[in-house]
N, C-alpha and C. Protein backbone atom coordinates (compact mmCIF):
# COMPACT_ATOMS: atom_id res chain seq x y z
N MET A 1 32.68 163.82 68.18
CA MET A 1 32.50 163.38 67.29
C MET A 1 32.00 161.63 67.44
N THR A 2 31.57 162.00 66.02
CA THR A 2 30.00 161.23 66.33
C THR A 2 30.27 160.52 67.18
N PRO A 3 29.04 159.93 67.13
CA PRO A 3 29.07 158.46 68.39
C PRO A 3 27.98 157.48 66.57
N MET A 4 29.31 155.65 67.26
CA MET A 4 28.85 155.38 66.16
C MET A 4 28.11 154.70 65.91
N PRO A 5 27.55 153.81 65.77
CA PRO A 5 26.05 153.54 65.56
C PRO A 5 25.72 151.71 66.31
N THR A 6 24.66 151.86 65.94
CA THR A 6 24.17 151.24 67.01
C THR A 6 23.68 149.53 66.33
N PRO A 7 23.74 148.72 66.83
CA PRO A 7 23.81 147.33 66.21
C PRO A 7 22.63 147.12 65.34
N TRP A 8 22.06 146.54 64.20
CA TRP A 8 21.01 146.69 63.09
C TRP A 8 20.15 145.74 63.73
N THR A 9 20.63 144.78 64.37
CA THR A 9 19.90 143.53 65.90
C THR A 9 19.24 144.67 66.50
N ASP A 10 20.24 145.84 67.04
CA ASP A 10 19.15 146.33 68.31
C ASP A 10 18.22 146.80 67.55
N LEU A 11 18.15 147.53 66.38
CA LEU A 11 17.25 148.84 66.28
C LEU A 11 16.06 148.25 65.19
N LEU A 12 16.42 146.73 64.56
CA LEU A 12 15.06 145.92 64.15
C LEU A 12 14.14 144.75 65.73
N SER A 13 14.87 145.16 66.97
CA SER A 13 14.17 143.96 68.30
C SER A 13 13.17 145.58 68.68
N ARG A 14 13.20 146.54 68.28
CA ARG A 14 12.00 147.57 69.04
C ARG A 14 10.94 146.59 69.42
N ARG A 15 10.24 146.50 70.22
CA ARG A 15 8.65 146.93 70.74
C ARG A 15 7.74 147.71 70.13
N VAL A 16 6.39 146.78 68.95
CA VAL A 16 5.54 148.42 69.09
C VAL A 16 4.41 147.00 70.05
N SER A 17 3.11 147.62 70.45
CA SER A 17 2.17 146.80 70.83
C SER A 17 1.58 146.75 70.25
N ASN A 18 0.17 145.66 69.68
CA ASN A 18 -0.62 146.23 68.83
C ASN A 18 -0.41 146.55 67.45
N ILE A 19 1.25 145.53 67.04
CA ILE A 19 1.27 145.83 65.54
C ILE A 19 0.10 144.69 64.91
N LYS A 20 -0.50 144.81 63.85
CA LYS A 20 -0.65 143.98 63.01
C LYS A 20 0.36 143.05 62.23
N GLU A 21 0.03 141.75 61.83
CA GLU A 21 0.98 140.53 61.25
C GLU A 21 0.20 141.45 59.70
N ALA A 22 0.75 142.17 58.97
CA ALA A 22 0.39 142.80 57.74
C ALA A 22 1.93 142.06 56.68
N TYR A 23 2.89 142.44 57.46
CA TYR A 23 4.08 142.45 56.48
C TYR A 23 4.68 140.62 56.79
N GLY A 24 3.60 140.25 57.65
CA GLY A 24 4.41 138.93 56.71
C GLY A 24 4.88 138.39 58.74
N PRO A 25 5.43 137.11 58.33
CA PRO A 25 6.55 136.56 59.84
C PRO A 25 7.19 137.47 60.72
N ASN A 26 7.77 138.33 59.89
CA ASN A 26 9.01 138.97 60.34
C ASN A 26 8.50 141.09 60.26
N SER A 27 6.73 140.80 60.80
CA SER A 27 6.15 142.01 60.91
C SER A 27 7.29 142.67 62.16
N ARG A 28 7.57 142.04 62.83
CA ARG A 28 8.28 143.18 63.87
C ARG A 28 9.33 143.56 64.02
N ASP A 29 9.92 142.44 63.27
CA ASP A 29 10.88 143.37 62.15
C ASP A 29 10.38 144.92 61.73
N VAL A 30 10.27 144.33 60.60
CA VAL A 30 9.35 145.56 59.57
C VAL A 30 8.77 147.00 60.88
N ILE A 31 8.43 146.65 61.12
CA ILE A 31 8.18 147.88 62.44
C ILE A 31 8.49 148.50 63.36
N GLY A 32 9.90 147.55 63.75
CA GLY A 32 11.60 147.53 63.88
C GLY A 32 12.30 149.41 63.30
N ALA A 33 11.77 148.85 61.90
CA ALA A 33 12.80 149.92 60.91
C ALA A 33 11.81 150.66 60.83
N PHE A 34 10.55 150.48 60.86
CA PHE A 34 9.94 151.58 60.47
C PHE A 34 9.99 153.29 61.19
N SER A 35 10.06 152.09 63.13
CA SER A 35 10.69 153.05 64.30
C SER A 35 12.11 153.05 63.43
N ALA A 36 13.10 152.57 63.36
CA ALA A 36 14.41 153.21 63.03
C ALA A 36 14.68 154.26 62.17
N LEU A 37 14.36 154.03 60.84
CA LEU A 37 14.16 155.42 59.39
C LEU A 37 13.43 156.22 60.64
N SER A 38 11.75 156.52 60.83
CA SER A 38 11.30 157.29 61.41
C SER A 38 12.18 158.43 61.73
N GLU A 39 13.14 158.03 62.47
CA GLU A 39 14.62 158.49 64.10
C GLU A 39 15.91 159.34 62.89
N THR A 40 15.89 158.98 61.73
CA THR A 40 17.55 159.17 61.22
C THR A 40 17.26 159.85 60.73
N PRO A 41 18.50 161.11 60.85
CA PRO A 41 19.30 162.00 60.18
C PRO A 41 19.84 161.76 59.84
N TRP A 42 18.79 161.23 58.51
CA TRP A 42 19.71 160.89 56.92
C TRP A 42 20.83 161.97 55.83
N LEU A 43 22.41 161.40 56.13
CA LEU A 43 22.79 162.47 56.24
C LEU A 43 23.79 163.38 56.76
N GLU A 44 22.77 163.74 57.97
CA GLU A 44 23.18 164.99 58.55
C GLU A 44 24.75 164.66 59.56
N ARG A 45 25.91 163.64 59.18
CA ARG A 45 27.08 163.61 59.95
C ARG A 45 28.38 163.38 59.03
N VAL A 46 27.61 163.76 57.95
CA VAL A 46 28.20 163.03 56.55
C VAL A 46 29.66 163.59 57.09
N GLY A 47 30.96 164.01 56.96
CA GLY A 47 32.77 163.87 56.47
C GLY A 47 32.77 164.83 57.99
N GLU A 48 32.18 164.25 59.34
CA GLU A 48 32.59 165.35 60.88
C GLU A 48 33.34 163.70 60.82
N PRO A 49 34.49 164.21 62.11
CA PRO A 49 35.20 163.16 62.32
C PRO A 49 34.52 161.68 63.35
N TRP A 50 35.32 160.91 63.03
CA TRP A 50 35.40 159.75 62.87
C TRP A 50 36.03 158.83 64.67
N SER A 51 35.21 158.36 65.69
CA SER A 51 35.22 157.41 66.30
C SER A 51 36.17 157.02 66.69
N GLU A 52 37.10 155.79 67.74
CA GLU A 52 38.16 155.09 67.35
C GLU A 52 37.32 153.58 67.71
N ARG A 53 36.25 153.67 67.70
CA ARG A 53 35.82 153.10 68.44
C ARG A 53 33.78 152.93 66.86
N VAL A 54 33.39 151.59 66.80
CA VAL A 54 32.67 151.58 66.19
C VAL A 54 32.10 150.00 66.04
N ASP A 55 30.59 150.54 66.61
CA ASP A 55 29.81 149.44 67.51
C ASP A 55 29.66 148.79 68.34
N GLY A 56 30.27 150.46 69.56
CA GLY A 56 32.03 150.18 70.43
C GLY A 56 32.27 149.21 71.06
N ARG A 57 32.89 148.66 69.83
CA ARG A 57 34.31 147.88 69.86
C ARG A 57 35.82 148.98 69.11
N GLN A 58 37.18 148.70 69.32
CA GLN A 58 37.49 149.60 68.71
C GLN A 58 37.70 149.55 67.38
N ASP A 59 38.13 150.46 66.36
CA ASP A 59 37.63 149.83 64.84
C ASP A 59 38.71 148.69 64.26
N ASP A 60 38.29 147.61 63.72
CA ASP A 60 39.11 146.15 63.60
C ASP A 60 39.54 146.99 61.43
N GLY A 61 39.53 147.77 61.36
CA GLY A 61 39.01 148.01 59.81
C GLY A 61 37.66 147.42 59.50
N ARG A 62 37.19 146.71 59.97
CA ARG A 62 35.50 146.08 58.87
C ARG A 62 34.77 147.30 58.90
N VAL A 63 35.04 148.57 58.05
CA VAL A 63 34.61 149.74 57.53
C VAL A 63 35.63 150.74 57.32
N ILE A 64 35.76 150.79 56.25
CA ILE A 64 36.50 151.74 54.17
C ILE A 64 36.31 153.35 54.36
N VAL A 65 36.57 154.32 55.81
CA VAL A 65 35.59 155.23 55.98
C VAL A 65 36.19 156.24 53.84
N VAL A 66 35.38 157.41 52.97
CA VAL A 66 35.65 157.86 52.62
C VAL A 66 35.47 158.85 52.62
N HIS A 67 36.56 159.78 51.72
CA HIS A 67 36.24 161.58 52.68
C HIS A 67 35.25 162.50 51.38
N SER A 68 34.74 162.17 50.79
CA SER A 68 34.41 163.60 49.93
C SER A 68 33.60 162.47 48.88
N TRP A 69 32.28 163.71 48.15
CA TRP A 69 31.24 163.10 48.59
C TRP A 69 31.57 162.99 47.20
N ASN A 70 33.08 163.24 46.64
CA ASN A 70 33.57 162.09 44.88
C ASN A 70 33.37 161.15 44.94
N ALA A 71 34.14 160.18 45.83
CA ALA A 71 34.40 159.28 46.34
C ALA A 71 33.28 158.25 46.46
N ALA A 72 32.09 159.20 47.95
CA ALA A 72 31.61 158.35 47.74
C ALA A 72 30.33 158.48 46.89
N LEU A 73 30.51 159.60 46.06
CA LEU A 73 29.36 159.16 44.52
C LEU A 73 30.19 158.48 43.07
N ALA A 74 31.72 157.30 43.78
CA ALA A 74 31.35 157.35 42.75
C ALA A 74 30.68 155.56 42.53
N ILE A 75 29.28 155.87 43.53
CA ILE A 75 28.55 154.14 43.02
C ILE A 75 27.70 154.29 42.10
N PHE A 76 27.44 155.59 41.25
CA PHE A 76 27.12 155.70 40.00
C PHE A 76 27.33 155.72 39.36
N ASP A 77 28.61 155.07 39.53
CA ASP A 77 29.84 156.02 37.90
C ASP A 77 30.19 153.82 37.62
N ASP A 78 30.34 152.96 38.81
CA ASP A 78 30.04 151.57 37.76
C ASP A 78 29.61 150.68 37.79
N ASN A 79 28.57 150.90 36.83
CA ASN A 79 27.78 150.19 36.36
C ASN A 79 27.71 148.75 36.13
N LEU A 80 29.01 148.29 36.68
CA LEU A 80 28.89 147.11 36.42
C LEU A 80 28.39 146.07 37.50
N ARG A 81 28.92 146.92 38.81
CA ARG A 81 28.34 146.84 39.93
C ARG A 81 27.22 147.11 40.78
N TYR A 82 26.39 148.27 40.20
CA TYR A 82 26.20 149.04 40.84
C TYR A 82 24.83 148.90 40.05
N ASN A 83 23.36 148.59 40.57
CA ASN A 83 22.30 149.21 39.81
C ASN A 83 21.87 151.22 39.28
N ILE A 84 21.25 151.04 38.72
CA ILE A 84 20.72 152.81 38.12
C ILE A 84 20.51 153.38 39.85
N ASN A 85 20.26 152.94 41.03
CA ASN A 85 20.02 154.02 41.35
C ASN A 85 21.16 153.77 42.90
N GLY A 86 23.48 153.85 42.26
CA GLY A 86 23.63 152.95 43.03
C GLY A 86 24.21 152.43 44.47
N LEU A 87 22.99 151.21 44.32
CA LEU A 87 22.75 149.86 44.96
C LEU A 87 24.06 148.98 44.48
N LEU A 88 24.07 148.47 45.59
CA LEU A 88 25.13 146.74 44.57
C LEU A 88 23.84 146.53 44.17
N LEU A 89 24.54 145.63 43.19
CA LEU A 89 23.61 144.39 42.96
C LEU A 89 23.78 143.10 43.03
N ALA A 90 25.12 142.44 43.98
CA ALA A 90 24.47 141.36 44.48
C ALA A 90 23.81 141.21 45.81
N PRO A 91 23.95 141.84 46.55
CA PRO A 91 22.59 141.59 47.50
C PRO A 91 21.32 142.38 47.42
N CYS A 92 20.78 143.26 46.13
CA CYS A 92 20.09 142.86 45.24
C CYS A 92 19.14 142.78 44.93
N ASP A 93 20.13 141.19 44.23
CA ASP A 93 19.93 140.14 43.38
C ASP A 93 19.62 139.39 44.25
N ARG A 94 19.53 138.98 44.90
CA ARG A 94 19.12 137.83 45.89
C ARG A 94 17.97 138.48 46.81
N ALA A 95 17.99 139.94 47.20
CA ALA A 95 16.19 139.92 47.96
C ALA A 95 15.39 139.94 46.93
N ASP A 96 15.69 140.44 45.25
CA ASP A 96 14.35 139.91 43.97
C ASP A 96 14.55 138.65 44.07
N GLU A 97 15.17 138.10 44.05
CA GLU A 97 15.38 136.89 43.55
C GLU A 97 14.08 135.70 44.92
N ALA A 98 14.12 136.26 46.79
CA ALA A 98 13.19 136.17 47.35
C ALA A 98 12.30 136.59 47.55
N LEU A 99 12.10 137.52 46.44
CA LEU A 99 10.62 138.62 46.67
C LEU A 99 9.44 137.42 45.47
N ALA A 100 10.24 136.85 44.50
CA ALA A 100 10.29 136.59 43.56
C ALA A 100 9.20 134.57 44.09
N GLY A 101 10.06 134.60 45.20
CA GLY A 101 9.78 132.63 45.60
C GLY A 101 8.17 132.73 45.82
N LEU A 102 7.84 133.79 46.48
CA LEU A 102 6.64 133.48 47.00
C LEU A 102 5.30 135.15 46.83
N PRO A 103 4.42 135.08 46.43
CA PRO A 103 3.11 135.92 45.64
C PRO A 103 3.06 137.49 47.19
N GLU A 104 2.02 135.74 48.14
CA GLU A 104 1.80 136.99 49.39
C GLU A 104 3.95 137.76 49.83
N ARG A 105 4.68 137.56 48.95
CA ARG A 105 6.07 138.30 50.70
C ARG A 105 5.40 139.58 49.57
N ARG A 106 5.46 139.69 48.11
CA ARG A 106 5.07 140.74 47.56
C ARG A 106 4.40 141.72 47.51
N ARG A 107 3.25 140.96 47.65
CA ARG A 107 2.41 141.83 48.69
C ARG A 107 2.62 142.45 49.93
N TRP A 108 3.27 141.87 51.03
CA TRP A 108 3.70 142.31 51.90
C TRP A 108 4.80 143.27 51.79
N TRP A 109 5.68 143.47 50.82
CA TRP A 109 6.86 143.64 50.77
C TRP A 109 5.58 145.35 49.82
N GLN A 110 5.35 145.59 49.01
CA GLN A 110 4.78 146.39 48.41
C GLN A 110 3.32 147.49 49.93
N GLY A 111 2.44 147.07 50.43
CA GLY A 111 2.65 147.04 51.50
C GLY A 111 2.78 147.81 52.27
N ALA A 112 4.00 147.41 52.61
CA ALA A 112 5.33 147.70 53.25
C ALA A 112 5.50 148.60 53.18
N ARG A 113 6.03 149.39 51.49
CA ARG A 113 6.64 150.14 51.04
C ARG A 113 5.21 151.22 51.36
N GLU A 114 4.59 151.24 51.38
CA GLU A 114 3.74 152.19 51.43
C GLU A 114 3.43 152.45 52.48
N ASP A 115 3.23 151.83 53.12
CA ASP A 115 3.79 151.97 54.43
C ASP A 115 4.54 152.60 55.58
N VAL A 116 5.80 152.61 54.75
CA VAL A 116 6.55 153.34 55.35
C VAL A 116 7.21 154.70 54.63
N LYS A 117 6.41 155.24 53.76
CA LYS A 117 6.40 156.89 53.73
C LYS A 117 5.68 157.68 54.66
N ARG A 118 5.10 156.59 56.06
CA ARG A 118 4.47 157.45 57.06
C ARG A 118 5.03 157.76 57.35
N TYR A 119 6.33 157.12 57.47
CA TYR A 119 7.33 157.24 58.65
C TYR A 119 9.39 157.84 58.23
N VAL A 120 9.17 157.22 56.95
CA VAL A 120 10.53 158.19 56.93
C VAL A 120 10.76 159.53 55.49
N ALA A 121 11.00 160.74 56.44
CA ALA A 121 11.22 161.97 55.33
C ALA A 121 13.03 161.52 55.30
N LEU A 122 12.84 161.42 54.02
CA LEU A 122 14.27 161.90 53.52
C LEU A 122 14.59 163.36 53.15
N SER A 123 15.86 163.52 54.31
CA SER A 123 16.33 164.39 54.50
C SER A 123 17.57 164.53 54.34
N GLY A 124 18.67 165.77 54.34
CA GLY A 124 19.85 165.91 55.32
C GLY A 124 20.72 165.39 53.52
N ILE A 125 20.32 165.40 52.40
CA ILE A 125 21.53 165.31 50.95
C ILE A 125 21.50 166.47 51.20
N PRO A 126 22.37 167.51 50.85
CA PRO A 126 23.24 168.35 51.08
C PRO A 126 22.46 169.76 49.57
N ASP A 127 22.13 170.28 50.50
CA ASP A 127 22.11 171.90 48.68
C ASP A 127 23.24 172.63 48.26
N SER A 128 24.53 171.97 48.80
CA SER A 128 25.88 172.78 48.03
C SER A 128 25.32 171.64 47.04
N LEU A 129 24.97 170.69 47.18
CA LEU A 129 26.03 169.41 45.71
C LEU A 129 25.18 169.90 44.54
N PRO A 130 25.47 169.09 42.83
CA PRO A 130 24.36 169.58 41.78
C PRO A 130 23.22 169.06 42.17
N GLN A 131 22.66 169.91 41.34
CA GLN A 131 20.49 169.01 41.18
C GLN A 131 20.78 167.87 40.90
N GLU A 132 21.93 167.41 40.06
CA GLU A 132 21.67 166.11 39.83
C GLU A 132 21.99 165.26 40.65
N GLN A 133 23.28 165.54 41.39
CA GLN A 133 23.33 164.49 42.46
C GLN A 133 22.60 164.68 43.31
N GLN A 134 21.58 165.86 43.97
CA GLN A 134 20.90 165.39 44.52
C GLN A 134 20.32 164.55 44.31
N ASP A 135 19.26 164.75 43.32
CA ASP A 135 18.45 164.17 42.82
C ASP A 135 18.82 162.53 42.99
N LEU A 136 19.90 161.38 42.03
CA LEU A 136 20.96 160.40 42.26
C LEU A 136 20.40 160.31 44.26
N LEU A 137 21.19 161.25 44.95
CA LEU A 137 21.42 160.81 46.28
C LEU A 137 19.36 160.21 46.85
N PHE A 138 18.30 160.32 46.60
CA PHE A 138 17.62 160.58 46.71
C PHE A 138 16.70 159.30 45.92
N GLU A 139 17.49 158.76 44.92
CA GLU A 139 16.82 158.15 44.21
C GLU A 139 17.02 156.70 45.57
N HIS A 140 18.91 157.11 45.59
CA HIS A 140 19.56 155.79 46.31
C HIS A 140 18.52 155.36 47.13
N LEU A 141 18.08 156.83 48.64
CA LEU A 141 17.43 156.22 49.46
C LEU A 141 16.47 156.22 49.82
N TYR A 142 15.47 156.32 49.27
CA TYR A 142 14.33 156.26 48.96
C TYR A 142 14.36 154.17 48.48
N GLU A 143 15.70 154.17 47.05
CA GLU A 143 15.70 152.20 46.54
C GLU A 143 16.31 151.73 48.45
N PHE A 144 17.10 152.17 48.62
CA PHE A 144 17.82 151.63 50.20
C PHE A 144 16.27 151.50 51.09
N VAL A 145 15.15 152.02 50.95
CA VAL A 145 14.78 151.94 51.70
C VAL A 145 13.94 151.13 51.77
N SER A 146 13.58 150.56 50.66
CA SER A 146 12.39 149.86 49.77
C SER A 146 13.22 148.62 49.86
N MET A 147 14.92 148.44 49.28
CA MET A 147 15.91 146.73 49.36
C MET A 147 15.56 146.76 51.18
N LEU A 148 16.15 147.22 52.08
CA LEU A 148 15.92 146.59 53.29
C LEU A 148 14.85 145.91 53.68
N LEU A 149 13.20 146.38 53.17
CA LEU A 149 11.88 146.26 53.78
C LEU A 149 11.74 145.01 53.28
N VAL A 150 12.17 144.02 52.06
CA VAL A 150 12.40 143.14 51.31
C VAL A 150 13.41 141.99 51.91
N GLU A 151 14.33 142.58 52.03
CA GLU A 151 15.20 141.56 53.26
C GLU A 151 15.25 141.36 54.68
N ILE A 152 14.32 142.21 54.82
CA ILE A 152 13.82 142.19 56.41
C ILE A 152 12.00 141.46 56.39
N ILE A 153 11.72 141.36 54.94
CA ILE A 153 10.58 140.84 54.42
C ILE A 153 10.84 139.28 54.42
N ALA A 154 12.24 138.71 53.29
CA ALA A 154 11.71 137.44 52.87
C ALA A 154 12.78 137.09 53.88
N SER A 155 12.96 137.33 54.57
CA SER A 155 14.58 137.03 55.65
C SER A 155 13.65 135.66 56.97
N PRO A 156 14.56 134.55 56.44
CA PRO A 156 15.54 134.12 56.40
C PRO A 156 16.72 133.58 55.30
N GLU A 157 15.72 133.44 53.99
CA GLU A 157 15.35 133.16 52.88
C GLU A 157 15.90 133.96 51.86
N THR A 158 16.61 135.79 52.17
CA THR A 158 17.69 135.97 51.28
C THR A 158 19.22 135.76 51.52
N GLU A 159 19.44 134.84 52.77
CA GLU A 159 20.35 134.61 53.29
C GLU A 159 21.13 135.87 52.92
N CYS A 160 21.58 136.97 53.41
CA CYS A 160 21.14 138.01 53.52
C CYS A 160 20.57 139.38 54.13
N THR A 161 21.68 140.30 55.60
CA THR A 161 21.61 140.92 56.17
C THR A 161 23.19 141.81 55.14
N TYR A 162 22.78 143.18 54.09
CA TYR A 162 23.47 143.48 53.15
C TYR A 162 23.34 144.93 53.83
N PHE A 163 21.77 145.68 53.59
CA PHE A 163 20.70 146.70 53.65
C PHE A 163 20.75 146.83 54.62
N ARG A 164 20.20 145.46 55.88
CA ARG A 164 20.09 145.86 57.53
C ARG A 164 21.52 146.31 57.87
N GLU A 165 23.11 145.73 57.53
CA GLU A 165 24.03 146.12 58.12
C GLU A 165 23.84 148.08 57.33
N GLN A 166 23.36 148.65 56.44
CA GLN A 166 23.92 149.53 56.57
C GLN A 166 22.66 150.05 56.90
N LEU A 167 21.41 150.52 57.55
CA LEU A 167 20.61 150.65 58.68
C LEU A 167 21.24 151.38 59.68
N PRO A 168 22.24 150.77 60.27
CA PRO A 168 22.71 151.15 61.02
C PRO A 168 23.26 153.12 61.05
N TRP A 169 23.93 152.91 60.06
CA TRP A 169 25.45 153.81 59.72
C TRP A 169 24.19 154.71 58.85
N PHE A 170 23.12 154.36 58.23
CA PHE A 170 22.52 155.59 58.10
C PHE A 170 21.84 156.82 59.56
N HIS A 171 20.81 155.28 60.13
CA HIS A 171 20.97 155.89 61.66
C HIS A 171 21.86 157.28 62.31
N ALA A 172 23.00 156.58 62.47
CA ALA A 172 24.13 157.53 62.08
C ALA A 172 24.44 158.61 61.75
N GLY A 173 23.67 158.69 60.62
CA GLY A 173 23.98 159.78 60.65
C GLY A 173 24.55 159.82 58.85
N ARG A 174 25.67 158.56 58.69
CA ARG A 174 26.69 158.65 57.72
C ARG A 174 25.47 158.27 56.22
N PHE A 175 26.43 157.71 55.40
CA PHE A 175 26.07 157.06 53.81
C PHE A 175 27.33 155.70 54.20
N PRO A 176 26.87 155.25 53.74
CA PRO A 176 26.62 154.08 53.17
C PRO A 176 27.11 153.52 51.57
N CYS A 177 28.64 153.85 51.23
CA CYS A 177 28.05 154.14 50.37
C CYS A 177 29.05 153.83 48.92
N GLY A 178 28.91 152.14 49.60
CA GLY A 178 28.89 150.65 48.61
C GLY A 178 30.40 149.92 48.82
N TRP A 179 30.37 149.37 48.35
CA TRP A 179 31.55 148.17 48.94
C TRP A 179 32.85 148.24 48.25
N GLU A 180 33.92 147.88 48.84
CA GLU A 180 34.99 147.71 48.85
C GLU A 180 35.80 145.72 48.96
N GLY A 181 35.77 145.52 47.48
CA GLY A 181 36.17 144.11 47.37
C GLY A 181 34.69 142.95 46.24
N ASP A 182 35.27 141.62 46.97
CA ASP A 182 33.84 141.29 45.65
C ASP A 182 32.69 140.81 47.12
N TRP A 183 31.69 141.09 47.24
CA TRP A 183 30.85 141.01 48.27
C TRP A 183 30.53 140.00 47.23
N PRO A 184 30.26 138.62 48.85
CA PRO A 184 30.60 139.12 50.37
C PRO A 184 31.57 139.31 51.58
N ASN A 185 32.73 140.10 50.66
CA ASN A 185 34.24 139.22 50.66
C ASN A 185 35.09 140.27 50.89
N GLY A 186 35.49 141.12 51.82
CA GLY A 186 35.68 142.84 51.40
C GLY A 186 35.37 143.69 52.88
N ARG A 187 35.03 144.69 52.26
CA ARG A 187 34.48 146.37 53.78
C ARG A 187 33.62 147.04 52.59
N MET A 188 32.80 147.64 54.14
CA MET A 188 31.73 148.69 53.38
C MET A 188 32.32 149.83 53.33
N ARG A 189 32.12 150.61 52.72
CA ARG A 189 32.53 152.30 52.74
C ARG A 189 31.41 152.91 52.84
N ILE A 190 31.84 153.96 54.20
CA ILE A 190 31.29 154.88 54.64
C ILE A 190 32.07 156.42 54.78
N PHE A 191 30.72 157.02 54.37
CA PHE A 191 31.03 158.32 54.07
C PHE A 191 30.93 159.21 55.16
């Protein structure tokens, strides 16, 4: 059975010495994200059996498990709730608003987006999927990393932890694939 994810607070709290404050007041968390992302086995455990424990506790129904790529990729068919890259619109809107608030945040975010490329190798996309779906997944993962960085850099003003809550699932090799319910009420879908 697949081990369940490490909480995002633990993933981002990794401390690295001699960091520069290039990403604003949350630079340490950005560097923690770089570290977590560099170790992420993207999608490598999708479809494996689940443990009865989630986050070190009994599964209390906080997530909905989907059991097929078709169910997971439904995020690309719902253009009312998800953007073109399959990301839930509501948390994206919050992150975009927080970026618009201060021009220096946008500069920090752009720097982080450029620097994260050294740490992230988006892999694990199954060759068995049609090329169009592989391309959608690649864009989804790239955009997830981008929005994760916005959320961290603009914290706490984003008033959102949606992308940080997805990080542990990606870090565990799973695919957080949307939201069941009217966000923020409801549950995350995981494949």
